[in-house]
Amino acid sequence: MNKKIRWYKRLSNFLKGVRAEVNKVTWPSKNEVYSTTIVVIIATFFFGFYLYFCDLIFSWAIKHIKALFG
């Protein structure tokens, strides 16, 4: 029985600590979340297209190099 009480106390202390830390967090505003989300979406598309075109160029180059020497 004593172990159960100790376990409950430890869990209770842990959850109190978690709550205290969550209250210390500076949460971003709605506008900050919106603007950073837009930046992430734009960057994702930009790098996606960049990698797509790099892949096209490299595959074209390898195909032509293989045709030259193959």
PDB file of N, CA and C in Angstrom:
ATOM      1  N   MET A   1       0.818  -1.197   0.000  1.00  0.00           N
ATOM      2  CA  MET A   1       0.000   0.000   0.000  1.00  0.00           C
ATOM      3  C   MET A   1       0.862   1.262   0.000  1.00  0.00           C
ATOM      4  N   ASN A   2       1.960   1.210   0.733  1.00  0.00           N
ATOM      5  CA  ASN A   2       2.847   2.360   0.827  1.00  0.00           C
ATOM      6  C   ASN A   2       3.456   2.708  -0.532  1.00  0.00           C
ATOM      7  N   LYS A   3       3.733   1.664  -1.347  1.00  0.00           N
ATOM      8  CA  LYS A   3       4.296   1.899  -2.676  1.00  0.00           C
ATOM      9  C   LYS A   3       3.299   2.636  -3.559  1.00  0.00           C
ATOM     10  N   LYS A   4       2.026   2.281  -3.449  1.00  0.00           N
ATOM     11  CA  LYS A   4       1.006   2.943  -4.257  1.00  0.00           C
ATOM     12  C   LYS A   4       0.896   4.422  -3.884  1.00  0.00           C
ATOM     13  N   ILE A   5       0.964   4.711  -2.618  1.00  0.00           N
ATOM     14  CA  ILE A   5       0.880   6.105  -2.173  1.00  0.00           C
ATOM     15  C   ILE A   5       2.096   6.883  -2.664  1.00  0.00           C
ATOM     16  N   ARG A   6       3.284   6.277  -2.563  1.00  0.00           N
ATOM     17  CA  ARG A   6       4.501   6.942  -3.044  1.00  0.00           C
ATOM     18  C   ARG A   6       4.419   7.181  -4.541  1.00  0.00           C
ATOM     19  N   TRP A   7       3.926   6.196  -5.278  1.00  0.00           N
ATOM     20  CA  TRP A   7       3.804   6.325  -6.731  1.00  0.00           C
ATOM     21  C   TRP A   7       2.850   7.462  -7.075  1.00  0.00           C
ATOM     22  N   TYR A   8       1.730   7.539  -6.358  1.00  0.00           N
ATOM     23  CA  TYR A   8       0.750   8.594  -6.595  1.00  0.00           C
ATOM     24  C   TYR A   8       1.350   9.966  -6.284  1.00  0.00           C
ATOM     25  N   LYS A   9       2.100  10.070  -5.201  1.00  0.00           N
ATOM     26  CA  LYS A   9       2.739  11.339  -4.835  1.00  0.00           C
ATOM     27  C   LYS A   9       3.747  11.762  -5.896  1.00  0.00           C
ATOM     28  N   ARG A  10       4.548  10.803  -6.378  1.00  0.00           N
ATOM     29  CA  ARG A  10       5.542  11.123  -7.407  1.00  0.00           C
ATOM     30  C   ARG A  10       4.858  11.585  -8.682  1.00  0.00           C
ATOM     31  N   LEU A  11       3.787  10.906  -9.069  1.00  0.00           N
ATOM     32  CA  LEU A  11       3.041  11.304 -10.259  1.00  0.00           C
ATOM     33  C   LEU A  11       2.434  12.691 -10.070  1.00  0.00           C
ATOM     34  N   SER A  12       1.884  12.937  -8.905  1.00  0.00           N
ATOM     35  CA  SER A  12       1.287  14.236  -8.609  1.00  0.00           C
ATOM     36  C   SER A  12       2.338  15.343  -8.675  1.00  0.00           C
ATOM     37  N   ASN A  13       3.500  15.115  -8.092  1.00  0.00           N
ATOM     38  CA  ASN A  13       4.578  16.110  -8.137  1.00  0.00           C
ATOM     39  C   ASN A  13       5.054  16.336  -9.565  1.00  0.00           C
ATOM     40  N   PHE A  14       5.150  15.264 -10.336  1.00  0.00           N
ATOM     41  CA  PHE A  14       5.574  15.390 -11.731  1.00  0.00           C
ATOM     42  C   PHE A  14       4.590  16.246 -12.516  1.00  0.00           C
ATOM     43  N   LEU A  15       3.295  15.965 -12.360  1.00  0.00           N
ATOM     44  CA  LEU A  15       2.283  16.723 -13.095  1.00  0.00           C
ATOM     45  C   LEU A  15       2.237  18.185 -12.658  1.00  0.00           C
ATOM     46  N   LYS A  16       2.479  18.456 -11.384  1.00  0.00           N
ATOM     47  CA  LYS A  16       2.558  19.845 -10.926  1.00  0.00           C
ATOM     48  C   LYS A  16       3.744  20.552 -11.573  1.00  0.00           C
ATOM     49  N   GLY A  17       4.858  19.849 -11.682  1.00  0.00           N
ATOM     50  CA  GLY A  17       6.033  20.426 -12.337  1.00  0.00           C
ATOM     51  C   GLY A  17       5.787  20.690 -13.808  1.00  0.00           C
ATOM     52  N   VAL A  18       5.095  19.761 -14.462  1.00  0.00           N
ATOM     53  CA  VAL A  18       4.762  19.949 -15.881  1.00  0.00           C
ATOM     54  C   VAL A  18       3.875  21.175 -16.046  1.00  0.00           C
ATOM     55  N   ARG A  19       2.890  21.296 -15.204  1.00  0.00           N
ATOM     56  CA  ARG A  19       1.984  22.450 -15.293  1.00  0.00           C
ATOM     57  C   ARG A  19       2.735  23.761 -15.065  1.00  0.00           C
ATOM     58  N   ALA A  20       3.663  23.768 -14.103  1.00  0.00           N
ATOM     59  CA  ALA A  20       4.443  24.980 -13.833  1.00  0.00           C
ATOM     60  C   ALA A  20       5.296  25.348 -15.042  1.00  0.00           C
ATOM     61  N   GLU A  21       5.906  24.358 -15.692  1.00  0.00           N
ATOM     62  CA  GLU A  21       6.735  24.633 -16.870  1.00  0.00           C
ATOM     63  C   GLU A  21       5.898  25.100 -18.051  1.00  0.00           C
ATOM     64  N   VAL A  22       4.723  24.518 -18.236  1.00  0.00           N
ATOM     65  CA  VAL A  22       3.843  24.935 -19.336  1.00  0.00           C
ATOM     66  C   VAL A  22       3.406  26.379 -19.130  1.00  0.00           C
ATOM     67  N   ASN A  23       3.195  26.781 -17.902  1.00  0.00           N
ATOM     68  CA  ASN A  23       2.798  28.167 -17.631  1.00  0.00           C
ATOM     69  C   ASN A  23       3.936  29.149 -17.885  1.00  0.00           C
ATOM     70  N   LYS A  24       5.187  28.684 -17.863  1.00  0.00           N
ATOM     71  CA  LYS A  24       6.338  29.553 -18.121  1.00  0.00           C
ATOM     72  C   LYS A  24       6.572  29.777 -19.613  1.00  0.00           C
ATOM     73  N   VAL A  25       5.980  28.948 -20.447  1.00  0.00           N
ATOM     74  CA  VAL A  25       6.216  29.020 -21.887  1.00  0.00           C
ATOM     75  C   VAL A  25       5.597  30.292 -22.450  1.00  0.00           C
ATOM     76  N   THR A  26       6.344  30.949 -23.344  1.00  0.00           N
ATOM     77  CA  THR A  26       5.803  32.095 -24.070  1.00  0.00           C
ATOM     78  C   THR A  26       5.216  31.571 -25.365  1.00  0.00           C
ATOM     79  N   TRP A  27       3.909  31.512 -25.439  1.00  0.00           N
ATOM     80  CA  TRP A  27       3.239  30.957 -26.601  1.00  0.00           C
ATOM     81  C   TRP A  27       3.153  32.010 -27.697  1.00  0.00           C
ATOM     82  N   PRO A  28       3.325  31.595 -28.965  1.00  0.00           N
ATOM     83  CA  PRO A  28       3.244  32.569 -30.060  1.00  0.00           C
ATOM     84  C   PRO A  28       1.801  33.031 -30.273  1.00  0.00           C
ATOM     85  N   SER A  29       1.693  34.238 -30.815  1.00  0.00           N
ATOM     86  CA  SER A  29       0.357  34.761 -31.105  1.00  0.00           C
ATOM     87  C   SER A  29      -0.187  34.109 -32.373  1.00  0.00           C
ATOM     88  N   LYS A  30      -1.460  34.337 -32.622  1.00  0.00           N
ATOM     89  CA  LYS A  30      -2.100  33.766 -33.808  1.00  0.00           C
ATOM     90  C   LYS A  30      -1.442  34.298 -35.077  1.00  0.00           C
ATOM     91  N   ASN A  31      -1.093  35.589 -35.092  1.00  0.00           N
ATOM     92  CA  ASN A  31      -0.446  36.182 -36.262  1.00  0.00           C
ATOM     93  C   ASN A  31       0.943  35.595 -36.498  1.00  0.00           C
ATOM     94  N   GLU A  32       1.699  35.347 -35.419  1.00  0.00           N
ATOM     95  CA  GLU A  32       3.026  34.740 -35.566  1.00  0.00           C
ATOM     96  C   GLU A  32       2.921  33.334 -36.146  1.00  0.00           C
ATOM     97  N   VAL A  33       1.969  32.573 -35.648  1.00  0.00           N
ATOM     98  CA  VAL A  33       1.777  31.212 -36.159  1.00  0.00           C
ATOM     99  C   VAL A  33       1.376  31.255 -37.625  1.00  0.00           C
ATOM    100  N   TYR A  34       0.476  32.161 -37.979  1.00  0.00           N
ATOM    101  CA  TYR A  34       0.019  32.290 -39.365  1.00  0.00           C
ATOM    102  C   TYR A  34       1.178  32.665 -40.283  1.00  0.00           C
ATOM    103  N   SER A  35       1.965  33.667 -39.898  1.00  0.00           N
ATOM    104  CA  SER A  35       3.045  34.125 -40.776  1.00  0.00           C
ATOM    105  C   SER A  35       4.144  33.076 -40.913  1.00  0.00           C
ATOM    106  N   THR A  36       4.500  32.401 -39.841  1.00  0.00           N
ATOM    107  CA  THR A  36       5.539  31.376 -39.966  1.00  0.00           C
ATOM    108  C   THR A  36       5.029  30.172 -40.751  1.00  0.00           C
ATOM    109  N   THR A  37       3.746  29.878 -40.658  1.00  0.00           N
ATOM    110  CA  THR A  37       3.178  28.793 -41.461  1.00  0.00           C
ATOM    111  C   THR A  37       3.268  29.124 -42.942  1.00  0.00           C
ATOM    112  N   ILE A  38       2.959  30.364 -43.302  1.00  0.00           N
ATOM    113  CA  ILE A  38       3.059  30.793 -44.702  1.00  0.00           C
ATOM    114  C   ILE A  38       4.503  30.683 -45.187  1.00  0.00           C
ATOM    115  N   VAL A  39       5.456  31.103 -44.358  1.00  0.00           N
ATOM    116  CA  VAL A  39       6.875  31.018 -44.732  1.00  0.00           C
ATOM    117  C   VAL A  39       7.277  29.567 -44.959  1.00  0.00           C
ATOM    118  N   VAL A  40       6.846  28.675 -44.096  1.00  0.00           N
ATOM    119  CA  VAL A  40       7.187  27.256 -44.242  1.00  0.00           C
ATOM    120  C   VAL A  40       6.587  26.685 -45.517  1.00  0.00           C
ATOM    121  N   ILE A  41       5.350  27.025 -45.823  1.00  0.00           N
ATOM    122  CA  ILE A  41       4.703  26.516 -47.042  1.00  0.00           C
ATOM    123  C   ILE A  41       5.428  27.027 -48.279  1.00  0.00           C
ATOM    124  N   ILE A  42       5.753  28.319 -48.303  1.00  0.00           N
ATOM    125  CA  ILE A  42       6.463  28.885 -49.455  1.00  0.00           C
ATOM    126  C   ILE A  42       7.842  28.254 -49.605  1.00  0.00           C
ATOM    127  N   ALA A  43       8.568  28.108 -48.499  1.00  0.00           N
ATOM    128  CA  ALA A  43       9.901  27.498 -48.558  1.00  0.00           C
ATOM    129  C   ALA A  43       9.820  26.053 -49.025  1.00  0.00           C
ATOM    130  N   THR A  44       8.798  25.329 -48.596  1.00  0.00           N
ATOM    131  CA  THR A  44       8.632  23.940 -49.017  1.00  0.00           C
ATOM    132  C   THR A  44       8.420  23.850 -50.519  1.00  0.00           C
ATOM    133  N   PHE A  45       7.553  24.697 -51.058  1.00  0.00           N
ATOM    134  CA  PHE A  45       7.338  24.696 -52.506  1.00  0.00           C
ATOM    135  C   PHE A  45       8.595  25.119 -53.256  1.00  0.00           C
ATOM    136  N   PHE A  46       9.274  26.143 -52.769  1.00  0.00           N
ATOM    137  CA  PHE A  46      10.486  26.620 -53.425  1.00  0.00           C
ATOM    138  C   PHE A  46      11.530  25.515 -53.506  1.00  0.00           C
ATOM    139  N   PHE A  47      11.840  24.893 -52.375  1.00  0.00           N
ATOM    140  CA  PHE A  47      12.858  23.850 -52.380  1.00  0.00           C
ATOM    141  C   PHE A  47      12.389  22.607 -53.119  1.00  0.00           C
ATOM    142  N   GLY A  48      11.098  22.345 -53.103  1.00  0.00           N
ATOM    143  CA  GLY A  48      10.571  21.227 -53.880  1.00  0.00           C
ATOM    144  C   GLY A  48      10.790  21.431 -55.365  1.00  0.00           C
ATOM    145  N   PHE A  49      10.447  22.619 -55.864  1.00  0.00           N
ATOM    146  CA  PHE A  49      10.680  22.915 -57.283  1.00  0.00           C
ATOM    147  C   PHE A  49      12.168  22.934 -57.609  1.00  0.00           C
ATOM    148  N   TYR A  50      12.969  23.501 -56.709  1.00  0.00           N
ATOM    149  CA  TYR A  50      14.417  23.543 -56.918  1.00  0.00           C
ATOM    150  C   TYR A  50      14.978  22.129 -57.062  1.00  0.00           C
ATOM    151  N   LEU A  51      14.618  21.242 -56.157  1.00  0.00           N
ATOM    152  CA  LEU A  51      15.113  19.865 -56.229  1.00  0.00           C
ATOM    153  C   LEU A  51      14.571  19.138 -57.451  1.00  0.00           C
ATOM    154  N   TYR A  52      13.334  19.432 -57.834  1.00  0.00           N
ATOM    155  CA  TYR A  52      12.754  18.825 -59.028  1.00  0.00           C
ATOM    156  C   TYR A  52      13.553  19.223 -60.267  1.00  0.00           C
ATOM    157  N   PHE A  53      13.858  20.507 -60.395  1.00  0.00           N
ATOM    158  CA  PHE A  53      14.611  20.956 -61.566  1.00  0.00           C
ATOM    159  C   PHE A  53      16.056  20.468 -61.536  1.00  0.00           C
ATOM    160  N   CYS A  54      16.659  20.384 -60.352  1.00  0.00           N
ATOM    161  CA  CYS A  54      18.002  19.795 -60.252  1.00  0.00           C
ATOM    162  C   CYS A  54      17.967  18.343 -60.710  1.00  0.00           C
ATOM    163  N   ASP A  55      16.953  17.619 -60.312  1.00  0.00           N
ATOM    164  CA  ASP A  55      16.814  16.225 -60.723  1.00  0.00           C
ATOM    165  C   ASP A  55      16.645  16.120 -62.234  1.00  0.00           C
ATOM    166  N   LEU A  56      15.848  17.004 -62.824  1.00  0.00           N
ATOM    167  CA  LEU A  56      15.682  17.000 -64.281  1.00  0.00           C
ATOM    168  C   LEU A  56      17.008  17.252 -64.991  1.00  0.00           C
ATOM    169  N   ILE A  57      17.750  18.232 -64.512  1.00  0.00           N
ATOM    170  CA  ILE A  57      19.030  18.569 -65.146  1.00  0.00           C
ATOM    171  C   ILE A  57      20.012  17.416 -65.019  1.00  0.00           C
ATOM    172  N   PHE A  58      20.129  16.841 -63.824  1.00  0.00           N
ATOM    173  CA  PHE A  58      21.076  15.739 -63.635  1.00  0.00           C
ATOM    174  C   PHE A  58      20.668  14.503 -64.432  1.00  0.00           C
ATOM    175  N   SER A  59      19.383  14.200 -64.480  1.00  0.00           N
ATOM    176  CA  SER A  59      18.962  13.026 -65.250  1.00  0.00           C
ATOM    177  C   SER A  59      19.194  13.259 -66.740  1.00  0.00           C
ATOM    178  N   TRP A  60      18.956  14.486 -67.218  1.00  0.00           N
ATOM    179  CA  TRP A  60      19.235  14.815 -68.619  1.00  0.00           C
ATOM    180  C   TRP A  60      20.729  14.679 -68.905  1.00  0.00           C
ATOM    181  N   ALA A  61      21.572  15.188 -68.002  1.00  0.00           N
ATOM    182  CA  ALA A  61      23.021  15.119 -68.200  1.00  0.00           C
ATOM    183  C   ALA A  61      23.506  13.675 -68.189  1.00  0.00           C
ATOM    184  N   ILE A  62      23.020  12.884 -67.266  1.00  0.00           N
ATOM    185  CA  ILE A  62      23.456  11.484 -67.186  1.00  0.00           C
ATOM    186  C   ILE A  62      22.996  10.720 -68.413  1.00  0.00           C
ATOM    187  N   LYS A  63      21.786  10.980 -68.879  1.00  0.00           N
ATOM    188  CA  LYS A  63      21.287  10.309 -70.083  1.00  0.00           C
ATOM    189  C   LYS A  63      22.176  10.638 -71.280  1.00  0.00           C
ATOM    190  N   HIS A  64      22.572  11.887 -71.425  1.00  0.00           N
ATOM    191  CA  HIS A  64      23.412  12.275 -72.555  1.00  0.00           C
ATOM    192  C   HIS A  64      24.851  11.774 -72.409  1.00  0.00           C
ATOM    193  N   ILE A  65      25.354  11.720 -71.195  1.00  0.00           N
ATOM    194  CA  ILE A  65      26.699  11.167 -70.977  1.00  0.00           C
ATOM    195  C   ILE A  65      26.701   9.679 -71.291  1.00  0.00           C
ATOM    196  N   LYS A  66      25.657   8.967 -70.879  1.00  0.00           N
ATOM    197  CA  LYS A  66      25.561   7.536 -71.197  1.00  0.00           C
ATOM    198  C   LYS A  66      25.448   7.325 -72.701  1.00  0.00           C
ATOM    199  N   ALA A  67      24.744   8.215 -73.394  1.00  0.00           N
ATOM    200  CA  ALA A  67      24.608   8.091 -74.847  1.00  0.00           C
ATOM    201  C   ALA A  67      25.946   8.346 -75.535  1.00  0.00           C
ATOM    202  N   LEU A  68      26.745   9.243 -74.986  1.00  0.00           N
ATOM    203  CA  LEU A  68      28.054   9.538 -75.573  1.00  0.00           C
ATOM    204  C   LEU A  68      29.025   8.369 -75.423  1.00  0.00           C
ATOM    205  N   PHE A  69      29.072   7.784 -74.224  1.00  0.00           N
ATOM    206  CA  PHE A  69      30.063   6.752 -73.933  1.00  0.00           C
ATOM    207  C   PHE A  69      29.496   5.342 -73.960  1.00  0.00           C
ATOM    208  N   GLY A  70      28.219   5.182 -74.108  1.00  0.00           N
ATOM    209  CA  GLY A  70      27.606   3.871 -74.002  1.00  0.00           C
ATOM    210  C   GLY A  70      27.335   3.276 -75.301  1.00  0.00           C
TER     211      GLY A  70
END
